[in-house]
Structure formats: C-alpha cells, structure tokens
C-alpha cells in the first residue's frame, strides 16, 4: 500500500496528491496533524533516513518553538518534538511499500513507486 503523510492544506502535499491521481496510483493519505504519528514510525524513519531529512527546521512551527527546545537536539528529543508537533515533519513523506521519499520530487516518487 502506498501512503502519503502530510497535512491537507500544504501546497507540496496537494501537488503530490494531484500527481499521484494523474498517475492513477492508488494511495492512502495520512493527515499527520489529525491522525498523528507513532514513536515506532518515527524511530524507523529516523534510522532509515536520518533526522535531518525528517525534521523541517524551516517550518513556522519550528520557528515558534522556544530556543531551549530547538537547541542540542538528539534523535530522541526530536522524536518527542515530532510526536507533540507533527507539522514539524518534512512533507510530503511517501511510503511506497517500504520505500521512503521525503519532499515531492516527481522523478524520485516515480522511482519509489516502481520498486
């Protein structure tokens, strides 16, 4: 099953979903704000992709965090932040049968869907 993680009002998520529909890809959308994320998911993704790939340090949510929460992050503290503030996840995140891709890139997504 192909799953797209993100928030529905994000422009990049909307573009990715429209692209998937044009490609006739059957997928499930997981709203990270409404449906949340699990510690197990985040630990797996961090191990496979690295926290720098997952954590959106350019987001409004990140900028609104107190400095002490942003300083000296470890994977464990970053996971806690993502559990509390799921909009910190870079988006969209594509999980195509276990192949992960963060951010919408047509070429990367096409390759992920082929595997």
PDB file of N, CA and C in Angstrom:
ATOM      1  N   UNK A   1       0.842  -1.185   0.000  1.00  0.00           N
ATOM      2  CA  UNK A   1       0.000   0.000   0.000  1.00  0.00           C
ATOM      3  C   UNK A   1       0.881   1.240   0.000  1.00  0.00           C
ATOM      4  N   UNK A   2       0.503   2.200  -0.789  1.00  0.00           N
ATOM      5  CA  UNK A   2       1.199   3.476  -0.865  1.00  0.00           C
ATOM      6  C   UNK A   2       0.503   4.444   0.094  1.00  0.00           C
ATOM      7  N   UNK A   3       1.309   5.094   0.932  1.00  0.00           N
ATOM      8  CA  UNK A   3       0.760   6.058   1.885  1.00  0.00           C
ATOM      9  C   UNK A   3       1.518   7.369   1.741  1.00  0.00           C
ATOM     10  N   UNK A   4       0.768   8.453   1.745  1.00  0.00           N
ATOM     11  CA  UNK A   4       1.338   9.797   1.725  1.00  0.00           C
ATOM     12  C   UNK A   4       1.032  10.430   3.081  1.00  0.00           C
ATOM     13  N   UNK A   5       2.089  10.899   3.751  1.00  0.00           N
ATOM     14  CA  UNK A   5       1.958  11.572   5.043  1.00  0.00           C
ATOM     15  C   UNK A   5       2.133  13.066   4.843  1.00  0.00           C
ATOM     16  N   UNK A   6       1.261  13.839   5.459  1.00  0.00           N
ATOM     17  CA  UNK A   6       1.361  15.286   5.365  1.00  0.00           C
ATOM     18  C   UNK A   6       0.138  15.941   5.962  1.00  0.00           C
ATOM     19  N   UNK A   7      -0.044  17.205   5.630  1.00  0.00           N
ATOM     20  CA  UNK A   7      -1.245  17.928   6.055  1.00  0.00           C
ATOM     21  C   UNK A   7      -1.961  18.408   4.790  1.00  0.00           C
ATOM     22  N   UNK A   8      -3.284  18.383   4.802  1.00  0.00           N
ATOM     23  CA  UNK A   8      -4.026  18.638   3.563  1.00  0.00           C
ATOM     24  C   UNK A   8      -3.882  20.042   2.993  1.00  0.00           C
ATOM     25  N   UNK A   9      -3.581  21.032   3.810  1.00  0.00           N
ATOM     26  CA  UNK A   9      -3.506  22.399   3.292  1.00  0.00           C
ATOM     27  C   UNK A   9      -2.109  22.796   2.827  1.00  0.00           C
ATOM     28  N   UNK A  10      -1.159  21.871   2.825  1.00  0.00           N
ATOM     29  CA  UNK A  10       0.200  22.142   2.358  1.00  0.00           C
ATOM     30  C   UNK A  10       0.238  22.084   0.820  1.00  0.00           C
ATOM     31  N   UNK A  11       0.803  23.108   0.205  1.00  0.00           N
ATOM     32  CA  UNK A  11       0.866  23.174  -1.258  1.00  0.00           C
ATOM     33  C   UNK A  11       1.620  21.994  -1.857  1.00  0.00           C
ATOM     34  N   UNK A  12       2.724  21.610  -1.243  1.00  0.00           N
ATOM     35  CA  UNK A  12       3.526  20.491  -1.781  1.00  0.00           C
ATOM     36  C   UNK A  12       2.780  19.165  -1.641  1.00  0.00           C
ATOM     37  N   UNK A  13       2.037  19.009  -0.559  1.00  0.00           N
ATOM     38  CA  UNK A  13       1.229  17.802  -0.375  1.00  0.00           C
ATOM     39  C   UNK A  13       0.125  17.759  -1.426  1.00  0.00           C
ATOM     40  N   UNK A  14      -0.532  18.883  -1.640  1.00  0.00           N
ATOM     41  CA  UNK A  14      -1.583  18.932  -2.665  1.00  0.00           C
ATOM     42  C   UNK A  14      -1.021  18.588  -4.047  1.00  0.00           C
ATOM     43  N   UNK A  15       0.139  19.148  -4.377  1.00  0.00           N
ATOM     44  CA  UNK A  15       0.759  18.862  -5.677  1.00  0.00           C
ATOM     45  C   UNK A  15       1.090  17.383  -5.797  1.00  0.00           C
ATOM     46  N   UNK A  16       1.607  16.810  -4.737  1.00  0.00           N
ATOM     47  CA  UNK A  16       1.968  15.382  -4.748  1.00  0.00           C
ATOM     48  C   UNK A  16       0.726  14.512  -4.925  1.00  0.00           C
ATOM     49  N   UNK A  17      -0.326  14.843  -4.220  1.00  0.00           N
ATOM     50  CA  UNK A  17      -1.559  14.059  -4.323  1.00  0.00           C
ATOM     51  C   UNK A  17      -2.166  14.170  -5.721  1.00  0.00           C
ATOM     52  N   UNK A  18      -2.128  15.361  -6.306  1.00  0.00           N
ATOM     53  CA  UNK A  18      -2.634  15.538  -7.668  1.00  0.00           C
ATOM     54  C   UNK A  18      -1.803  14.729  -8.652  1.00  0.00           C
ATOM     55  N   UNK A  19      -0.487  14.716  -8.460  1.00  0.00           N
ATOM     56  CA  UNK A  19       0.396  13.948  -9.333  1.00  0.00           C
ATOM     57  C   UNK A  19       0.064  12.455  -9.222  1.00  0.00           C
ATOM     58  N   UNK A  20      -0.102  11.957  -8.001  1.00  0.00           N
ATOM     59  CA  UNK A  20      -0.448  10.544  -7.810  1.00  0.00           C
ATOM     60  C   UNK A  20      -1.764  10.212  -8.505  1.00  0.00           C
ATOM     61  N   UNK A  21      -2.733  11.099  -8.410  1.00  0.00           N
ATOM     62  CA  UNK A  21      -4.023  10.864  -9.062  1.00  0.00           C
ATOM     63  C   UNK A  21      -3.884  10.859 -10.578  1.00  0.00           C
ATOM     64  N   UNK A  22      -3.058  11.760 -11.122  1.00  0.00           N
ATOM     65  CA  UNK A  22      -2.817  11.767 -12.579  1.00  0.00           C
ATOM     66  C   UNK A  22      -2.118  10.499 -13.025  1.00  0.00           C
ATOM     67  N   UNK A  23      -1.296   9.911 -12.145  1.00  0.00           N
ATOM     68  CA  UNK A  23      -0.584   8.677 -12.463  1.00  0.00           C
ATOM     69  C   UNK A  23      -1.450   7.439 -12.185  1.00  0.00           C
ATOM     70  N   UNK A  24      -2.663   7.647 -11.698  1.00  0.00           N
ATOM     71  CA  UNK A  24      -3.599   6.570 -11.348  1.00  0.00           C
ATOM     72  C   UNK A  24      -3.020   5.633 -10.285  1.00  0.00           C
ATOM     73  N   UNK A  25      -2.327   6.220  -9.312  1.00  0.00           N
ATOM     74  CA  UNK A  25      -1.761   5.450  -8.202  1.00  0.00           C
ATOM     75  C   UNK A  25      -2.791   5.405  -7.080  1.00  0.00           C
ATOM     76  N   UNK A  26      -3.096   4.191  -6.645  1.00  0.00           N
ATOM     77  CA  UNK A  26      -3.991   4.014  -5.509  1.00  0.00           C
ATOM     78  C   UNK A  26      -3.168   4.270  -4.244  1.00  0.00           C
ATOM     79  N   UNK A  27      -3.577   5.236  -3.448  1.00  0.00           N
ATOM     80  CA  UNK A  27      -2.806   5.588  -2.252  1.00  0.00           C
ATOM     81  C   UNK A  27      -3.749   5.947  -1.125  1.00  0.00           C
ATOM     82  N   UNK A  28      -3.198   5.948   0.066  1.00  0.00           N
ATOM     83  CA  UNK A  28      -3.922   6.378   1.262  1.00  0.00           C
ATOM     84  C   UNK A  28      -3.249   7.647   1.762  1.00  0.00           C
ATOM     85  N   UNK A  29      -4.041   8.645   2.148  1.00  0.00           N
ATOM     86  CA  UNK A  29      -3.498   9.876   2.717  1.00  0.00           C
ATOM     87  C   UNK A  29      -3.595   9.806   4.232  1.00  0.00           C
ATOM     88  N   UNK A  30      -2.489  10.090   4.899  1.00  0.00           N
ATOM     89  CA  UNK A  30      -2.432  10.108   6.361  1.00  0.00           C
ATOM     90  C   UNK A  30      -2.165  11.542   6.792  1.00  0.00           C
ATOM     91  N   UNK A  31      -3.175  12.160   7.383  1.00  0.00           N
ATOM     92  CA  UNK A  31      -3.062  13.538   7.860  1.00  0.00           C
ATOM     93  C   UNK A  31      -2.287  13.498   9.184  1.00  0.00           C
ATOM     94  N   UNK A  32      -1.060  13.965   9.163  1.00  0.00           N
ATOM     95  CA  UNK A  32      -0.213  13.852  10.350  1.00  0.00           C
ATOM     96  C   UNK A  32      -0.732  14.685  11.512  1.00  0.00           C
ATOM     97  N   UNK A  33      -1.421  15.761  11.219  1.00  0.00           N
ATOM     98  CA  UNK A  33      -1.964  16.592  12.293  1.00  0.00           C
ATOM     99  C   UNK A  33      -3.176  15.907  12.920  1.00  0.00           C
ATOM    100  N   UNK A  34      -4.098  15.433  12.105  1.00  0.00           N
ATOM    101  CA  UNK A  34      -5.336  14.829  12.614  1.00  0.00           C
ATOM    102  C   UNK A  34      -5.123  13.389  13.088  1.00  0.00           C
ATOM    103  N   UNK A  35      -4.325  12.623  12.343  1.00  0.00           N
ATOM    104  CA  UNK A  35      -4.152  11.197  12.642  1.00  0.00           C
ATOM    105  C   UNK A  35      -2.931  10.908  13.508  1.00  0.00           C
ATOM    106  N   UNK A  36      -2.023  11.880  13.589  1.00  0.00           N
ATOM    107  CA  UNK A  36      -0.829  11.719  14.414  1.00  0.00           C
ATOM    108  C   UNK A  36       0.215  10.796  13.813  1.00  0.00           C
ATOM    109  N   UNK A  37       1.276  10.629  14.549  1.00  0.00           N
ATOM    110  CA  UNK A  37       2.386   9.752  14.178  1.00  0.00           C
ATOM    111  C   UNK A  37       2.693   8.875  15.387  1.00  0.00           C
ATOM    112  N   UNK A  38       3.356   7.763  15.138  1.00  0.00           N
ATOM    113  CA  UNK A  38       3.718   6.899  16.258  1.00  0.00           C
ATOM    114  C   UNK A  38       5.223   6.952  16.480  1.00  0.00           C
ATOM    115  N   UNK A  39       5.613   6.672  17.697  1.00  0.00           N
ATOM    116  CA  UNK A  39       7.034   6.621  18.035  1.00  0.00           C
ATOM    117  C   UNK A  39       7.751   5.570  17.158  1.00  0.00           C
ATOM    118  N   UNK A  40       7.106   4.433  16.964  1.00  0.00           N
ATOM    119  CA  UNK A  40       7.699   3.360  16.153  1.00  0.00           C
ATOM    120  C   UNK A  40       7.957   3.831  14.729  1.00  0.00           C
ATOM    121  N   UNK A  41       6.979   4.515  14.126  1.00  0.00           N
ATOM    122  CA  UNK A  41       7.164   5.062  12.774  1.00  0.00           C
ATOM    123  C   UNK A  41       8.358   5.998  12.738  1.00  0.00           C
ATOM    124  N   UNK A  42       8.353   6.946  13.662  1.00  0.00           N
ATOM    125  CA  UNK A  42       9.402   7.968  13.664  1.00  0.00           C
ATOM    126  C   UNK A  42      10.778   7.368  13.913  1.00  0.00           C
ATOM    127  N   UNK A  43      10.885   6.415  14.799  1.00  0.00           N
ATOM    128  CA  UNK A  43      12.171   5.768  15.052  1.00  0.00           C
ATOM    129  C   UNK A  43      12.654   5.029  13.816  1.00  0.00           C
ATOM    130  N   UNK A  44      11.737   4.342  13.135  1.00  0.00           N
ATOM    131  CA  UNK A  44      12.088   3.629  11.897  1.00  0.00           C
ATOM    132  C   UNK A  44      12.532   4.610  10.823  1.00  0.00           C
ATOM    133  N   UNK A  45      11.753   5.654  10.618  1.00  0.00           N
ATOM    134  CA  UNK A  45      12.098   6.644   9.592  1.00  0.00           C
ATOM    135  C   UNK A  45      13.426   7.329   9.911  1.00  0.00           C
ATOM    136  N   UNK A  46      13.647   7.663  11.171  1.00  0.00           N
ATOM    137  CA  UNK A  46      14.904   8.321  11.559  1.00  0.00           C
ATOM    138  C   UNK A  46      16.085   7.393  11.314  1.00  0.00           C
ATOM    139  N   UNK A  47      15.931   6.120  11.609  1.00  0.00           N
ATOM    140  CA  UNK A  47      17.015   5.155  11.388  1.00  0.00           C
ATOM    141  C   UNK A  47      17.309   4.993   9.896  1.00  0.00           C
ATOM    142  N   UNK A  48      16.286   5.040   9.071  1.00  0.00           N
ATOM    143  CA  UNK A  48      16.451   4.819   7.632  1.00  0.00           C
ATOM    144  C   UNK A  48      16.839   6.075   6.863  1.00  0.00           C
ATOM    145  N   UNK A  49      16.323   7.224   7.289  1.00  0.00           N
ATOM    146  CA  UNK A  49      16.529   8.460   6.530  1.00  0.00           C
ATOM    147  C   UNK A  49      17.427   9.478   7.218  1.00  0.00           C
ATOM    148  N   UNK A  50      17.495   9.395   8.536  1.00  0.00           N
ATOM    149  CA  UNK A  50      18.212  10.411   9.304  1.00  0.00           C
ATOM    150  C   UNK A  50      17.264  11.508   9.742  1.00  0.00           C
ATOM    151  N   UNK A  51      17.473  12.006  10.932  1.00  0.00           N
ATOM    152  CA  UNK A  51      16.584  13.018  11.487  1.00  0.00           C
ATOM    153  C   UNK A  51      16.643  14.326  10.697  1.00  0.00           C
ATOM    154  N   UNK A  52      17.802  14.650  10.140  1.00  0.00           N
ATOM    155  CA  UNK A  52      17.886  15.891   9.354  1.00  0.00           C
ATOM    156  C   UNK A  52      16.948  15.854   8.160  1.00  0.00           C
ATOM    157  N   UNK A  53      16.706  14.680   7.620  1.00  0.00           N
ATOM    158  CA  UNK A  53      15.781  14.542   6.496  1.00  0.00           C
ATOM    159  C   UNK A  53      14.338  14.678   6.946  1.00  0.00           C
ATOM    160  N   UNK A  54      14.033  14.237   8.157  1.00  0.00           N
ATOM    161  CA  UNK A  54      12.653  14.237   8.636  1.00  0.00           C
ATOM    162  C   UNK A  54      12.192  15.555   9.247  1.00  0.00           C
ATOM    163  N   UNK A  55      13.081  16.221   9.938  1.00  0.00           N
ATOM    164  CA  UNK A  55      12.692  17.391  10.730  1.00  0.00           C
ATOM    165  C   UNK A  55      12.768  18.661   9.887  1.00  0.00           C
ATOM    166  N   UNK A  56      11.640  19.344   9.785  1.00  0.00           N
ATOM    167  CA  UNK A  56      11.558  20.570   8.987  1.00  0.00           C
ATOM    168  C   UNK A  56      11.918  21.772   9.850  1.00  0.00           C
ATOM    169  N   UNK A  57      13.162  22.173   9.756  1.00  0.00           N
ATOM    170  CA  UNK A  57      13.645  23.305  10.554  1.00  0.00           C
ATOM    171  C   UNK A  57      13.322  24.656   9.921  1.00  0.00           C
ATOM    172  N   UNK A  58      12.644  24.648   8.782  1.00  0.00           N
ATOM    173  CA  UNK A  58      12.240  25.907   8.144  1.00  0.00           C
ATOM    174  C   UNK A  58      10.760  26.208   8.365  1.00  0.00           C
ATOM    175  N   UNK A  59      10.080  25.323   9.082  1.00  0.00           N
ATOM    176  CA  UNK A  59       8.640  25.489   9.259  1.00  0.00           C
ATOM    177  C   UNK A  59       8.305  26.581  10.270  1.00  0.00           C
ATOM    178  N   UNK A  60       7.095  27.082  10.161  1.00  0.00           N
ATOM    179  CA  UNK A  60       6.589  28.066  11.122  1.00  0.00           C
ATOM    180  C   UNK A  60       6.577  27.464  12.525  1.00  0.00           C
ATOM    181  N   UNK A  61       6.177  26.212  12.614  1.00  0.00           N
ATOM    182  CA  UNK A  61       6.128  25.542  13.920  1.00  0.00           C
ATOM    183  C   UNK A  61       7.505  25.538  14.567  1.00  0.00           C
ATOM    184  N   UNK A  62       8.542  25.224  13.789  1.00  0.00           N
ATOM    185  CA  UNK A  62       9.914  25.196  14.314  1.00  0.00           C
ATOM    186  C   UNK A  62      10.310  26.579  14.842  1.00  0.00           C
ATOM    187  N   UNK A  63      10.042  27.605  14.056  1.00  0.00           N
ATOM    188  CA  UNK A  63      10.426  28.960  14.448  1.00  0.00           C
ATOM    189  C   UNK A  63       9.689  29.435  15.694  1.00  0.00           C
ATOM    190  N   UNK A  64       8.513  28.886  15.943  1.00  0.00           N
ATOM    191  CA  UNK A  64       7.731  29.291  17.109  1.00  0.00           C
ATOM    192  C   UNK A  64       8.122  28.531  18.386  1.00  0.00           C
ATOM    193  N   UNK A  65       8.918  27.482  18.243  1.00  0.00           N
ATOM    194  CA  UNK A  65       9.352  26.737  19.426  1.00  0.00           C
ATOM    195  C   UNK A  65      10.331  27.569  20.245  1.00  0.00           C
ATOM    196  N   UNK A  66      10.291  27.424  21.565  1.00  0.00           N
ATOM    197  CA  UNK A  66      11.287  28.108  22.394  1.00  0.00           C
ATOM    198  C   UNK A  66      12.693  27.612  22.054  1.00  0.00           C
ATOM    199  N   UNK A  67      13.646  28.496  22.156  1.00  0.00           N
ATOM    200  CA  UNK A  67      15.040  28.172  21.819  1.00  0.00           C
ATOM    201  C   UNK A  67      15.530  26.943  22.569  1.00  0.00           C
ATOM    202  N   UNK A  68      15.162  26.792  23.831  1.00  0.00           N
ATOM    203  CA  UNK A  68      15.651  25.645  24.605  1.00  0.00           C
ATOM    204  C   UNK A  68      15.135  24.306  24.050  1.00  0.00           C
ATOM    205  N   UNK A  69      14.007  24.309  23.344  1.00  0.00           N
ATOM    206  CA  UNK A  69      13.502  23.071  22.731  1.00  0.00           C
ATOM    207  C   UNK A  69      14.215  22.778  21.417  1.00  0.00           C
ATOM    208  N   UNK A  70      14.735  23.794  20.772  1.00  0.00           N
ATOM    209  CA  UNK A  70      15.418  23.612  19.479  1.00  0.00           C
ATOM    210  C   UNK A  70      16.905  23.311  19.644  1.00  0.00           C
ATOM    211  N   UNK A  71      17.469  23.655  20.780  1.00  0.00           N
ATOM    212  CA  UNK A  71      18.913  23.522  20.988  1.00  0.00           C
ATOM    213  C   UNK A  71      19.290  22.083  21.350  1.00  0.00           C
ATOM    214  N   UNK A  72      20.463  21.685  20.914  1.00  0.00           N
ATOM    215  CA  UNK A  72      21.058  20.395  21.292  1.00  0.00           C
ATOM    216  C   UNK A  72      20.114  19.214  21.091  1.00  0.00           C
ATOM    217  N   UNK A  73      19.518  19.132  19.925  1.00  0.00           N
ATOM    218  CA  UNK A  73      18.587  18.046  19.646  1.00  0.00           C
ATOM    219  C   UNK A  73      19.320  16.723  19.445  1.00  0.00           C
ATOM    220  N   UNK A  74      18.775  15.695  20.021  1.00  0.00           N
ATOM    221  CA  UNK A  74      19.182  14.324  19.720  1.00  0.00           C
ATOM    222  C   UNK A  74      18.031  13.707  18.937  1.00  0.00           C
ATOM    223  N   UNK A  75      18.230  12.523  18.399  1.00  0.00           N
ATOM    224  CA  UNK A  75      17.124  11.856  17.712  1.00  0.00           C
ATOM    225  C   UNK A  75      15.951  11.656  18.667  1.00  0.00           C
ATOM    226  N   UNK A  76      16.244  11.295  19.907  1.00  0.00           N
ATOM    227  CA  UNK A  76      15.183  11.038  20.883  1.00  0.00           C
ATOM    228  C   UNK A  76      14.372  12.299  21.177  1.00  0.00           C
ATOM    229  N   UNK A  77      15.050  13.430  21.365  1.00  0.00           N
ATOM    230  CA  UNK A  77      14.305  14.660  21.656  1.00  0.00           C
ATOM    231  C   UNK A  77      13.572  15.169  20.411  1.00  0.00           C
ATOM    232  N   UNK A  78      14.157  14.942  19.247  1.00  0.00           N
ATOM    233  CA  UNK A  78      13.482  15.334  18.002  1.00  0.00           C
ATOM    234  C   UNK A  78      12.218  14.497  17.803  1.00  0.00           C
ATOM    235  N   UNK A  79      12.280  13.219  18.134  1.00  0.00           N
ATOM    236  CA  UNK A  79      11.090  12.366  18.024  1.00  0.00           C
ATOM    237  C   UNK A  79      10.005  12.863  18.968  1.00  0.00           C
ATOM    238  N   UNK A  80      10.391  13.256  20.168  1.00  0.00           N
ATOM    239  CA  UNK A  80       9.407  13.815  21.103  1.00  0.00           C
ATOM    240  C   UNK A  80       8.761  15.067  20.519  1.00  0.00           C
ATOM    241  N   UNK A  81       9.560  15.924  19.897  1.00  0.00           N
ATOM    242  CA  UNK A  81       9.007  17.124  19.265  1.00  0.00           C
ATOM    243  C   UNK A  81       8.035  16.757  18.142  1.00  0.00           C
ATOM    244  N   UNK A  82       8.407  15.783  17.316  1.00  0.00           N
ATOM    245  CA  UNK A  82       7.542  15.359  16.212  1.00  0.00           C
ATOM    246  C   UNK A  82       6.243  14.731  16.716  1.00  0.00           C
ATOM    247  N   UNK A  83       6.315  14.029  17.823  1.00  0.00           N
ATOM    248  CA  UNK A  83       5.090  13.456  18.396  1.00  0.00           C
ATOM    249  C   UNK A  83       4.166  14.559  18.905  1.00  0.00           C
ATOM    250  N   UNK A  84       4.757  15.586  19.493  1.00  0.00           N
ATOM    251  CA  UNK A  84       3.981  16.701  20.026  1.00  0.00           C
ATOM    252  C   UNK A  84       3.526  17.656  18.926  1.00  0.00           C
ATOM    253  N   UNK A  85       4.398  17.871  17.938  1.00  0.00           N
ATOM    254  CA  UNK A  85       4.134  18.821  16.849  1.00  0.00           C
ATOM    255  C   UNK A  85       4.341  18.109  15.508  1.00  0.00           C
ATOM    256  N   UNK A  86       3.369  17.305  15.056  1.00  0.00           N
ATOM    257  CA  UNK A  86       3.561  16.542  13.819  1.00  0.00           C
ATOM    258  C   UNK A  86       3.769  17.394  12.571  1.00  0.00           C
ATOM    259  N   UNK A  87       3.450  18.680  12.637  1.00  0.00           N
ATOM    260  CA  UNK A  87       3.690  19.544  11.478  1.00  0.00           C
ATOM    261  C   UNK A  87       5.180  19.840  11.295  1.00  0.00           C
ATOM    262  N   UNK A  88       6.020  19.389  12.217  1.00  0.00           N
ATOM    263  CA  UNK A  88       7.469  19.526  12.054  1.00  0.00           C
ATOM    264  C   UNK A  88       8.038  18.506  11.068  1.00  0.00           C
ATOM    265  N   UNK A  89       7.235  17.527  10.682  1.00  0.00           N
ATOM    266  CA  UNK A  89       7.690  16.530   9.711  1.00  0.00           C
ATOM    267  C   UNK A  89       7.791  17.169   8.338  1.00  0.00           C
ATOM    268  N   UNK A  90       8.930  16.989   7.676  1.00  0.00           N
ATOM    269  CA  UNK A  90       9.042  17.470   6.294  1.00  0.00           C
ATOM    270  C   UNK A  90       8.003  16.715   5.479  1.00  0.00           C
ATOM    271  N   UNK A  91       7.401  17.425   4.563  1.00  0.00           N
ATOM    272  CA  UNK A  91       6.319  16.815   3.823  1.00  0.00           C
ATOM    273  C   UNK A  91       6.356  17.201   2.358  1.00  0.00           C
ATOM    274  N   UNK A  92       5.694  16.356   1.608  1.00  0.00           N
ATOM    275  CA  UNK A  92       5.064  15.100   1.970  1.00  0.00           C
ATOM    276  C   UNK A  92       6.097  13.982   2.127  1.00  0.00           C
ATOM    277  N   UNK A  93       5.711  12.979   2.878  1.00  0.00           N
ATOM    278  CA  UNK A  93       6.530  11.780   3.005  1.00  0.00           C
ATOM    279  C   UNK A  93       5.774  10.658   2.322  1.00  0.00           C
ATOM    280  N   UNK A  94       6.430  10.024   1.368  1.00  0.00           N
ATOM    281  CA  UNK A  94       5.844   8.912   0.623  1.00  0.00           C
ATOM    282  C   UNK A  94       6.398   7.611   1.169  1.00  0.00           C
ATOM    283  N   UNK A  95       5.519   6.694   1.489  1.00  0.00           N
ATOM    284  CA  UNK A  95       5.902   5.328   1.856  1.00  0.00           C
ATOM    285  C   UNK A  95       5.280   4.421   0.808  1.00  0.00           C
ATOM    286  N   UNK A  96       6.106   3.980  -0.135  1.00  0.00           N
ATOM    287  CA  UNK A  96       5.659   3.120  -1.225  1.00  0.00           C
ATOM    288  C   UNK A  96       6.145   1.699  -0.949  1.00  0.00           C
ATOM    289  N   UNK A  97       5.323   0.954  -0.230  1.00  0.00           N
ATOM    290  CA  UNK A  97       5.676  -0.433   0.099  1.00  0.00           C
ATOM    291  C   UNK A  97       7.026  -0.506   0.802  1.00  0.00           C
ATOM    292  N   UNK A  98       7.297   0.439   1.683  1.00  0.00           N
ATOM    293  CA  UNK A  98       8.540   0.436   2.456  1.00  0.00           C
ATOM    294  C   UNK A  98       9.648   1.298   1.886  1.00  0.00           C
ATOM    295  N   UNK A  99       9.514   1.763   0.654  1.00  0.00           N
ATOM    296  CA  UNK A  99      10.475   2.688   0.073  1.00  0.00           C
ATOM    297  C   UNK A  99      10.019   4.094   0.436  1.00  0.00           C
ATOM    298  N   UNK A 100      10.903   4.840   1.100  1.00  0.00           N
ATOM    299  CA  UNK A 100      10.546   6.165   1.600  1.00  0.00           C
ATOM    300  C   UNK A 100      11.142   7.270   0.738  1.00  0.00           C
ATOM    301  N   UNK A 101      10.372   8.350   0.601  1.00  0.00           N
ATOM    302  CA  UNK A 101      10.853   9.537  -0.085  1.00  0.00           C
ATOM    303  C   UNK A 101      10.250  10.752   0.612  1.00  0.00           C
ATOM    304  N   UNK A 102      11.093  11.719   0.940  1.00  0.00           N
ATOM    305  CA  UNK A 102      10.631  12.917   1.647  1.00  0.00           C
ATOM    306  C   UNK A 102      10.711  14.110   0.707  1.00  0.00           C
ATOM    307  N   UNK A 103       9.641  14.892   0.689  1.00  0.00           N
ATOM    308  CA  UNK A 103       9.558  16.014  -0.237  1.00  0.00           C
ATOM    309  C   UNK A 103       9.023  15.506  -1.564  1.00  0.00           C
ATOM    310  N   UNK A 104       8.367  16.363  -2.290  1.00  0.00           N
ATOM    311  CA  UNK A 104       7.786  15.922  -3.557  1.00  0.00           C
ATOM    312  C   UNK A 104       8.733  16.201  -4.706  1.00  0.00           C
ATOM    313  N   UNK A 105       9.185  15.119  -5.311  1.00  0.00           N
ATOM    314  CA  UNK A 105      10.021  15.169  -6.498  1.00  0.00           C
ATOM    315  C   UNK A 105       9.482  14.083  -7.429  1.00  0.00           C
ATOM    316  N   UNK A 106       8.939  14.487  -8.571  1.00  0.00           N
ATOM    317  CA  UNK A 106       8.294  13.531  -9.478  1.00  0.00           C
ATOM    318  C   UNK A 106       9.201  12.360  -9.839  1.00  0.00           C
ATOM    319  N   UNK A 107      10.458  12.650 -10.139  1.00  0.00           N
ATOM    320  CA  UNK A 107      11.386  11.591 -10.541  1.00  0.00           C
ATOM    321  C   UNK A 107      11.628  10.607  -9.398  1.00  0.00           C
ATOM    322  N   UNK A 108      11.872  11.135  -8.218  1.00  0.00           N
ATOM    323  CA  UNK A 108      12.123  10.281  -7.048  1.00  0.00           C
ATOM    324  C   UNK A 108      10.889   9.462  -6.714  1.00  0.00           C
ATOM    325  N   UNK A 109       9.717  10.075  -6.811  1.00  0.00           N
ATOM    326  CA  UNK A 109       8.494   9.352  -6.493  1.00  0.00           C
ATOM    327  C   UNK A 109       8.218   8.272  -7.549  1.00  0.00           C
ATOM    328  N   UNK A 110       8.450   8.584  -8.803  1.00  0.00           N
ATOM    329  CA  UNK A 110       8.258   7.583  -9.850  1.00  0.00           C
ATOM    330  C   UNK A 110       9.171   6.371  -9.609  1.00  0.00           C
ATOM    331  N   UNK A 111      10.415   6.634  -9.234  1.00  0.00           N
ATOM    332  CA  UNK A 111      11.344   5.540  -8.937  1.00  0.00           C
ATOM    333  C   UNK A 111      10.899   4.747  -7.717  1.00  0.00           C
ATOM    334  N   UNK A 112      10.431   5.426  -6.675  1.00  0.00           N
ATOM    335  CA  UNK A 112       9.959   4.746  -5.460  1.00  0.00           C
ATOM    336  C   UNK A 112       8.762   3.864  -5.771  1.00  0.00           C
ATOM    337  N   UNK A 113       7.902   4.316  -6.651  1.00  0.00           N
ATOM    338  CA  UNK A 113       6.699   3.558  -6.990  1.00  0.00           C
ATOM    339  C   UNK A 113       7.002   2.365  -7.888  1.00  0.00           C
ATOM    340  N   UNK A 114       8.100   2.404  -8.609  1.00  0.00           N
ATOM    341  CA  UNK A 114       8.493   1.294  -9.482  1.00  0.00           C
ATOM    342  C   UNK A 114       9.046   0.102  -8.709  1.00  0.00           C
ATOM    343  N   UNK A 115       9.597   0.349  -7.537  1.00  0.00           N
ATOM    344  CA  UNK A 115      10.262  -0.716  -6.777  1.00  0.00           C
ATOM    345  C   UNK A 115       9.277  -1.656  -6.149  1.00  0.00           C
TER     346      UNK A 115
END
